[in-house]
Amino acid sequence: MRFVLPVLIVVGLLAAQLVKPPHIFLILSILSVSAATVFTGTGKVWVRFNGWVYRAKEPGSFWGEVAAYFLVGLCFVGYFLYEIHGF
């Protein structure tokens, strides 16, 4: 499980090279929501500049970071739909 985030970053970078906007935003949203789901299941989340935060030790920080991953995914989906349909 310690390789989940680097794998997601590499897949995201490869997708960024292969897929052009606006579809890259859909791929990034899937990656972000998938990471949040995996982090929820494992009970630990990667926090920038701090390393891992565990659900049992710091529940407030843990759920805040998981919510941030979900929110970023939701924003990517929203931007994708905006670019496709132009609402």
N, C-alpha and C. Protein backbone atom coordinates (compact mmCIF):
# COMPACT_ATOMS: atom_id res chain seq x y z
N MET A 1 0.82 -1.20 0.00
CA MET A 1 0.00 0.00 0.00
C MET A 1 0.86 1.26 0.00
N ARG A 2 2.14 1.13 0.31
CA ARG A 2 2.95 2.34 0.34
C ARG A 2 3.27 2.87 -1.05
N PHE A 3 2.96 2.08 -2.06
CA PHE A 3 3.23 2.51 -3.43
C PHE A 3 2.00 3.04 -4.14
N VAL A 4 0.89 3.17 -3.44
CA VAL A 4 -0.35 3.60 -4.08
C VAL A 4 -0.22 5.02 -4.62
N LEU A 5 0.23 5.94 -3.81
CA LEU A 5 0.31 7.34 -4.25
C LEU A 5 1.32 7.54 -5.38
N PRO A 6 2.53 6.98 -5.29
CA PRO A 6 3.44 7.13 -6.45
C PRO A 6 2.89 6.53 -7.73
N VAL A 7 2.20 5.40 -7.63
CA VAL A 7 1.62 4.79 -8.82
C VAL A 7 0.54 5.69 -9.40
N LEU A 8 -0.30 6.27 -8.52
CA LEU A 8 -1.34 7.18 -9.00
C LEU A 8 -0.73 8.42 -9.67
N ILE A 9 0.37 8.91 -9.12
CA ILE A 9 1.02 10.08 -9.72
C ILE A 9 1.58 9.73 -11.09
N VAL A 10 2.25 8.59 -11.19
CA VAL A 10 2.82 8.18 -12.47
C VAL A 10 1.73 7.96 -13.51
N VAL A 11 0.65 7.29 -13.12
CA VAL A 11 -0.46 7.06 -14.05
C VAL A 11 -1.07 8.39 -14.47
N GLY A 12 -1.19 9.31 -13.54
CA GLY A 12 -1.73 10.63 -13.88
C GLY A 12 -0.84 11.38 -14.85
N LEU A 13 0.47 11.30 -14.64
CA LEU A 13 1.40 11.97 -15.56
C LEU A 13 1.39 11.33 -16.94
N LEU A 14 1.33 10.01 -16.99
CA LEU A 14 1.24 9.34 -18.29
C LEU A 14 -0.06 9.70 -18.99
N ALA A 15 -1.13 9.73 -18.23
CA ALA A 15 -2.41 10.11 -18.83
C ALA A 15 -2.37 11.54 -19.34
N ALA A 16 -1.66 12.40 -18.63
CA ALA A 16 -1.56 13.79 -19.06
C ALA A 16 -0.83 13.91 -20.39
N GLN A 17 0.10 13.01 -20.65
CA GLN A 17 0.82 13.04 -21.91
C GLN A 17 0.01 12.42 -23.05
N LEU A 18 -0.80 11.43 -22.72
CA LEU A 18 -1.53 10.70 -23.76
C LEU A 18 -2.89 11.28 -24.07
N VAL A 19 -3.54 11.86 -23.09
CA VAL A 19 -4.90 12.34 -23.25
C VAL A 19 -4.89 13.86 -23.14
N LYS A 20 -5.51 14.50 -24.05
CA LYS A 20 -5.56 15.97 -24.04
C LYS A 20 -6.80 16.46 -23.32
N PRO A 21 -6.79 17.71 -22.87
CA PRO A 21 -7.97 18.26 -22.20
C PRO A 21 -9.16 18.25 -23.14
N PRO A 22 -10.33 18.12 -22.68
CA PRO A 22 -10.77 18.10 -21.28
C PRO A 22 -10.83 16.72 -20.66
N HIS A 23 -10.51 15.65 -21.41
CA HIS A 23 -10.65 14.31 -20.87
C HIS A 23 -9.64 14.00 -19.78
N ILE A 24 -8.53 14.72 -19.75
CA ILE A 24 -7.56 14.52 -18.68
C ILE A 24 -8.19 14.84 -17.32
N PHE A 25 -9.11 15.78 -17.28
CA PHE A 25 -9.74 16.14 -16.01
C PHE A 25 -10.64 15.01 -15.50
N LEU A 26 -11.25 14.28 -16.41
CA LEU A 26 -12.04 13.12 -16.00
C LEU A 26 -11.13 12.02 -15.44
N ILE A 27 -10.00 11.80 -16.06
CA ILE A 27 -9.05 10.80 -15.58
C ILE A 27 -8.50 11.20 -14.22
N LEU A 28 -8.14 12.47 -14.07
CA LEU A 28 -7.62 12.93 -12.78
C LEU A 28 -8.67 12.85 -11.68
N SER A 29 -9.93 13.08 -12.03
CA SER A 29 -10.98 12.96 -11.02
C SER A 29 -11.15 11.51 -10.59
N ILE A 30 -11.06 10.58 -11.53
CA ILE A 30 -11.15 9.16 -11.18
C ILE A 30 -9.98 8.76 -10.28
N LEU A 31 -8.79 9.24 -10.59
CA LEU A 31 -7.63 8.94 -9.75
C LEU A 31 -7.78 9.52 -8.35
N SER A 32 -8.27 10.73 -8.25
CA SER A 32 -8.40 11.37 -6.95
C SER A 32 -9.45 10.67 -6.09
N VAL A 33 -10.59 10.35 -6.66
CA VAL A 33 -11.64 9.66 -5.91
C VAL A 33 -11.19 8.25 -5.56
N SER A 34 -10.47 7.60 -6.47
CA SER A 34 -9.94 6.26 -6.17
C SER A 34 -8.95 6.30 -5.02
N ALA A 35 -8.08 7.30 -5.02
CA ALA A 35 -7.12 7.43 -3.92
C ALA A 35 -7.84 7.67 -2.60
N ALA A 36 -8.87 8.51 -2.61
CA ALA A 36 -9.62 8.77 -1.38
C ALA A 36 -10.31 7.50 -0.89
N THR A 37 -10.81 6.69 -1.81
CA THR A 37 -11.46 5.43 -1.43
C THR A 37 -10.45 4.45 -0.84
N VAL A 38 -9.28 4.35 -1.46
CA VAL A 38 -8.24 3.46 -0.94
C VAL A 38 -7.77 3.94 0.43
N PHE A 39 -7.57 5.25 0.57
CA PHE A 39 -7.12 5.78 1.85
C PHE A 39 -8.16 5.56 2.94
N THR A 40 -9.43 5.65 2.60
CA THR A 40 -10.48 5.39 3.58
C THR A 40 -10.45 3.94 4.01
N GLY A 41 -10.24 3.05 3.07
CA GLY A 41 -10.21 1.62 3.40
C GLY A 41 -8.99 1.21 4.21
N THR A 42 -7.85 1.82 3.93
CA THR A 42 -6.63 1.44 4.64
C THR A 42 -6.49 2.13 5.99
N GLY A 43 -7.14 3.25 6.16
CA GLY A 43 -7.05 3.97 7.43
C GLY A 43 -5.85 4.88 7.54
N LYS A 44 -5.19 5.14 6.44
CA LYS A 44 -4.09 6.10 6.45
C LYS A 44 -4.12 6.89 5.15
N VAL A 45 -3.73 8.15 5.25
CA VAL A 45 -3.78 9.04 4.09
C VAL A 45 -2.45 9.78 4.00
N TRP A 46 -2.00 9.99 2.76
CA TRP A 46 -0.75 10.72 2.53
C TRP A 46 -1.03 12.22 2.57
N VAL A 47 -0.29 12.92 3.41
CA VAL A 47 -0.43 14.37 3.54
C VAL A 47 0.86 15.01 3.05
N ARG A 48 0.73 15.98 2.20
CA ARG A 48 1.91 16.64 1.68
C ARG A 48 2.75 17.23 2.81
N PHE A 49 4.05 17.04 2.73
CA PHE A 49 5.04 17.57 3.66
C PHE A 49 4.98 16.96 5.06
N ASN A 50 4.03 16.07 5.35
CA ASN A 50 3.93 15.47 6.67
C ASN A 50 4.01 13.96 6.65
N GLY A 51 3.86 13.32 5.53
CA GLY A 51 3.86 11.87 5.48
C GLY A 51 2.47 11.30 5.69
N TRP A 52 2.39 10.21 6.40
CA TRP A 52 1.13 9.51 6.58
C TRP A 52 0.40 9.99 7.82
N VAL A 53 -0.91 10.12 7.72
CA VAL A 53 -1.78 10.42 8.86
C VAL A 53 -2.71 9.24 9.02
N TYR A 54 -2.77 8.71 10.25
CA TYR A 54 -3.56 7.51 10.52
C TYR A 54 -4.91 7.88 11.13
N ARG A 55 -5.94 7.14 10.71
CA ARG A 55 -7.30 7.40 11.18
C ARG A 55 -7.41 7.21 12.69
N ALA A 56 -6.72 6.22 13.25
CA ALA A 56 -6.83 5.93 14.68
C ALA A 56 -6.13 6.99 15.53
N LYS A 57 -5.05 7.59 15.02
CA LYS A 57 -4.28 8.55 15.81
C LYS A 57 -4.82 9.97 15.70
N GLU A 58 -5.14 10.39 14.48
CA GLU A 58 -5.60 11.76 14.24
C GLU A 58 -6.84 11.74 13.35
N PRO A 59 -8.02 11.43 13.92
CA PRO A 59 -9.21 11.30 13.06
C PRO A 59 -9.63 12.60 12.38
N GLY A 60 -9.45 13.74 13.03
CA GLY A 60 -9.84 15.01 12.41
C GLY A 60 -9.02 15.33 11.17
N SER A 61 -7.72 15.18 11.28
CA SER A 61 -6.84 15.44 10.13
C SER A 61 -7.06 14.40 9.04
N PHE A 62 -7.27 13.16 9.45
CA PHE A 62 -7.47 12.08 8.47
C PHE A 62 -8.69 12.37 7.61
N TRP A 63 -9.83 12.62 8.27
CA TRP A 63 -11.06 12.83 7.49
C TRP A 63 -11.02 14.13 6.70
N GLY A 64 -10.31 15.12 7.20
CA GLY A 64 -10.15 16.36 6.43
C GLY A 64 -9.38 16.13 5.14
N GLU A 65 -8.32 15.34 5.22
CA GLU A 65 -7.53 15.05 4.01
C GLU A 65 -8.30 14.16 3.04
N VAL A 66 -9.02 13.18 3.55
CA VAL A 66 -9.84 12.34 2.66
C VAL A 66 -10.90 13.18 1.98
N ALA A 67 -11.51 14.09 2.73
CA ALA A 67 -12.51 14.99 2.13
C ALA A 67 -11.87 15.87 1.07
N ALA A 68 -10.63 16.29 1.28
CA ALA A 68 -9.94 17.11 0.28
C ALA A 68 -9.72 16.33 -1.01
N TYR A 69 -9.34 15.05 -0.89
CA TYR A 69 -9.18 14.23 -2.09
C TYR A 69 -10.50 14.09 -2.84
N PHE A 70 -11.59 13.84 -2.09
CA PHE A 70 -12.90 13.74 -2.74
C PHE A 70 -13.30 15.07 -3.38
N LEU A 71 -13.02 16.17 -2.70
CA LEU A 71 -13.39 17.49 -3.22
C LEU A 71 -12.62 17.81 -4.50
N VAL A 72 -11.35 17.48 -4.52
CA VAL A 72 -10.54 17.71 -5.73
C VAL A 72 -11.10 16.89 -6.89
N GLY A 73 -11.46 15.64 -6.61
CA GLY A 73 -12.07 14.81 -7.65
C GLY A 73 -13.38 15.38 -8.15
N LEU A 74 -14.19 15.89 -7.24
CA LEU A 74 -15.45 16.50 -7.63
C LEU A 74 -15.22 17.76 -8.47
N CYS A 75 -14.23 18.54 -8.12
CA CYS A 75 -13.91 19.74 -8.91
C CYS A 75 -13.45 19.38 -10.31
N PHE A 76 -12.65 18.33 -10.42
CA PHE A 76 -12.21 17.88 -11.74
C PHE A 76 -13.40 17.42 -12.59
N VAL A 77 -14.34 16.70 -11.99
CA VAL A 77 -15.53 16.26 -12.72
C VAL A 77 -16.34 17.48 -13.17
N GLY A 78 -16.50 18.44 -12.27
CA GLY A 78 -17.24 19.64 -12.62
C GLY A 78 -16.61 20.41 -13.76
N TYR A 79 -15.28 20.53 -13.72
CA TYR A 79 -14.59 21.24 -14.79
C TYR A 79 -14.68 20.47 -16.10
N PHE A 80 -14.60 19.16 -16.04
CA PHE A 80 -14.76 18.33 -17.24
C PHE A 80 -16.13 18.55 -17.85
N LEU A 81 -17.18 18.50 -17.03
CA LEU A 81 -18.53 18.70 -17.55
C LEU A 81 -18.71 20.12 -18.10
N TYR A 82 -18.07 21.08 -17.47
CA TYR A 82 -18.14 22.46 -17.96
C TYR A 82 -17.49 22.56 -19.35
N GLU A 83 -16.35 21.91 -19.50
CA GLU A 83 -15.66 21.98 -20.78
C GLU A 83 -16.40 21.22 -21.88
N ILE A 84 -17.02 20.11 -21.53
CA ILE A 84 -17.74 19.31 -22.52
C ILE A 84 -19.07 19.96 -22.92
N HIS A 85 -19.85 20.34 -21.91
CA HIS A 85 -21.21 20.82 -22.18
C HIS A 85 -21.33 22.34 -22.14
N GLY A 86 -20.39 23.01 -21.53
CA GLY A 86 -20.43 24.48 -21.48
C GLY A 86 -21.58 25.07 -20.73
N PHE A 87 -21.90 24.51 -19.58
CA PHE A 87 -23.03 25.02 -18.78
C PHE A 87 -22.81 26.43 -18.36
